[in-house]
Protein backbone atom coordinates (compact mmCIF):
# COMPACT_ATOMS: atom_id res chain seq x y z
CA GLN A 1 115.38 87.54 133.20
CA VAL A 2 114.98 87.36 129.43
CA GLN A 3 111.79 85.82 128.13
CA LEU A 4 110.76 84.83 124.63
CA VAL A 5 107.01 84.35 124.31
CA GLU A 6 105.71 82.64 121.17
CA SER A 7 102.16 82.73 119.91
CA GLY A 8 100.18 81.93 116.79
CA GLY A 9 100.43 78.17 116.58
CA GLY A 10 97.46 75.91 115.98
CA LEU A 11 95.76 73.44 113.67
CA VAL A 12 95.60 74.24 109.97
CA GLN A 13 94.69 72.29 106.85
CA PRO A 14 97.30 71.47 104.22
CA GLY A 15 97.81 74.47 101.95
CA GLY A 16 96.82 76.86 104.70
CA SER A 17 98.76 79.61 106.45
CA LEU A 18 99.79 80.57 109.97
CA ARG A 19 101.78 83.45 111.40
CA LEU A 20 103.92 82.87 114.45
CA SER A 21 105.06 85.70 116.70
CA CYS A 22 107.79 85.85 119.31
CA ALA A 23 108.03 88.77 121.70
CA ALA A 24 111.40 89.23 123.39
CA SER A 25 111.95 90.93 126.72
CA VAL A 26 115.56 91.85 125.97
CA SER A 27 116.94 95.30 126.63
CA ILE A 28 118.45 95.94 123.17
CA PHE A 29 116.72 93.83 120.52
CA SER A 30 119.09 94.88 117.78
CA PHE A 31 121.92 93.06 119.58
CA TYR A 32 120.26 89.76 118.76
CA VAL A 33 120.06 87.50 115.75
CA MET A 34 116.69 85.79 115.84
CA ASP A 35 115.96 82.23 114.72
CA TRP A 36 112.99 79.95 114.39
CA TYR A 37 113.59 76.26 115.00
CA ARG A 38 111.18 73.34 114.90
CA GLN A 39 111.11 69.86 116.34
CA ALA A 40 108.84 67.11 115.07
CA PRO A 41 108.08 64.01 117.17
CA GLY A 42 111.03 61.63 117.14
CA LYS A 43 113.25 64.05 115.23
CA GLN A 44 116.04 66.44 116.10
CA ARG A 45 115.41 70.14 116.42
CA GLU A 46 116.16 71.87 113.12
CA LEU A 47 116.82 75.46 112.13
CA VAL A 48 114.01 76.85 109.98
CA ALA A 49 114.87 80.51 109.46
CA THR A 50 117.22 83.24 110.69
CA ILE A 51 117.11 87.02 110.55
CA THR A 52 119.83 89.47 111.57
CA SER A 53 119.19 92.88 113.11
CA ALA A 54 119.79 94.39 109.67
CA GLY A 55 117.12 92.16 108.17
CA SER A 56 119.27 89.62 106.35
CA GLU A 57 117.33 86.35 106.08
CA ASN A 58 118.24 82.69 105.66
CA TYR A 59 115.99 79.67 105.30
CA ALA A 60 116.15 75.91 105.40
CA ASP A 61 115.73 74.44 101.93
CA SER A 62 112.54 72.70 103.04
CA VAL A 63 110.74 76.01 103.67
CA LYS A 64 112.24 78.33 101.05
CA GLY A 65 109.55 80.08 99.05
CA ARG A 66 106.86 79.20 101.60
CA PHE A 67 107.99 80.74 104.89
CA THR A 68 109.05 84.33 105.56
CA ILE A 69 110.84 85.55 108.67
CA SER A 70 110.62 89.20 109.67
CA ARG A 71 111.26 91.36 112.69
CA ASP A 72 110.02 94.59 114.20
CA ASN A 73 112.90 96.01 116.21
CA ALA A 74 110.71 98.69 117.81
CA ARG A 75 108.28 96.03 119.09
CA LYS A 76 111.10 93.56 119.88
CA THR A 77 109.19 90.91 118.01
CA VAL A 78 110.08 88.37 115.34
CA TYR A 79 107.53 86.74 113.07
CA LEU A 80 107.34 83.63 110.92
CA GLN A 81 104.76 83.73 108.15
CA MET A 82 104.08 80.18 106.98
CA ASN A 83 102.21 79.64 103.72
CA SER A 84 101.39 76.55 101.68
CA LEU A 85 101.73 74.44 104.81
CA LYS A 86 102.34 70.72 104.47
CA ALA A 87 101.81 67.81 106.84
CA GLU A 88 105.58 67.57 107.24
CA ASP A 89 105.65 71.08 108.70
CA THR A 90 103.90 69.71 111.79
CA ALA A 91 106.18 70.36 114.76
CA VAL A 92 106.72 72.43 117.85
CA TYR A 93 108.20 75.74 116.72
CA PHE A 94 110.71 77.50 118.96
CA CYS A 95 111.95 81.06 118.94
CA HIS A 96 115.67 81.51 119.65
CA ALA A 97 117.62 84.70 120.37
CA ARG A 98 121.40 84.88 119.94
CA ARG A 99 123.19 87.93 121.29
CA VAL A 100 125.98 88.87 118.88
CA VAL A 101 127.13 92.19 120.39
CA GLY A 102 129.21 92.17 123.56
CA GLU A 103 128.77 89.15 125.81
CA ARG A 104 127.36 86.11 124.04
CA TYR A 105 124.07 84.77 125.36
CA ASP A 106 121.27 82.80 123.82
CA TYR A 107 117.69 82.19 124.89
CA TRP A 108 114.83 79.88 123.92
CA GLY A 109 111.10 80.30 123.95
CA GLN A 110 108.76 77.65 125.30
CA GLY A 111 107.57 76.56 121.87
CA THR A 112 104.25 76.65 120.06
CA GLN A 113 102.59 73.67 118.39
CA VAL A 114 101.83 73.78 114.68
CA THR A 115 99.74 70.91 113.33
CA VAL A 116 98.98 70.59 109.63
CA SER A 117 96.24 68.07 109.05
CA SER A 118 92.99 67.64 107.19
């Protein structure tokens, strides 16, 4: 059973920083593209950032220049460094794993709350 376990959420003031982590219990981490999504109250879940096994990154326009996604294939962990946080970044952040080699599977983490407020 594959598990994605997120950590690092919390309450931060506007302009502050947080680093989210997601540890994946998959057998071959490099088979997976990793994403971070977020869902604010009353809104649809949206894609925030993506990273391939080779390290290619993509970001939503709303977070470009402020957020950085990275991964440690040896630790089977993906990170989201969030800087210059704004109130509108408040949401539950979800880790998502998409297998792109062989059979296609995808998995979701349980989510971690990020609240940006003074």
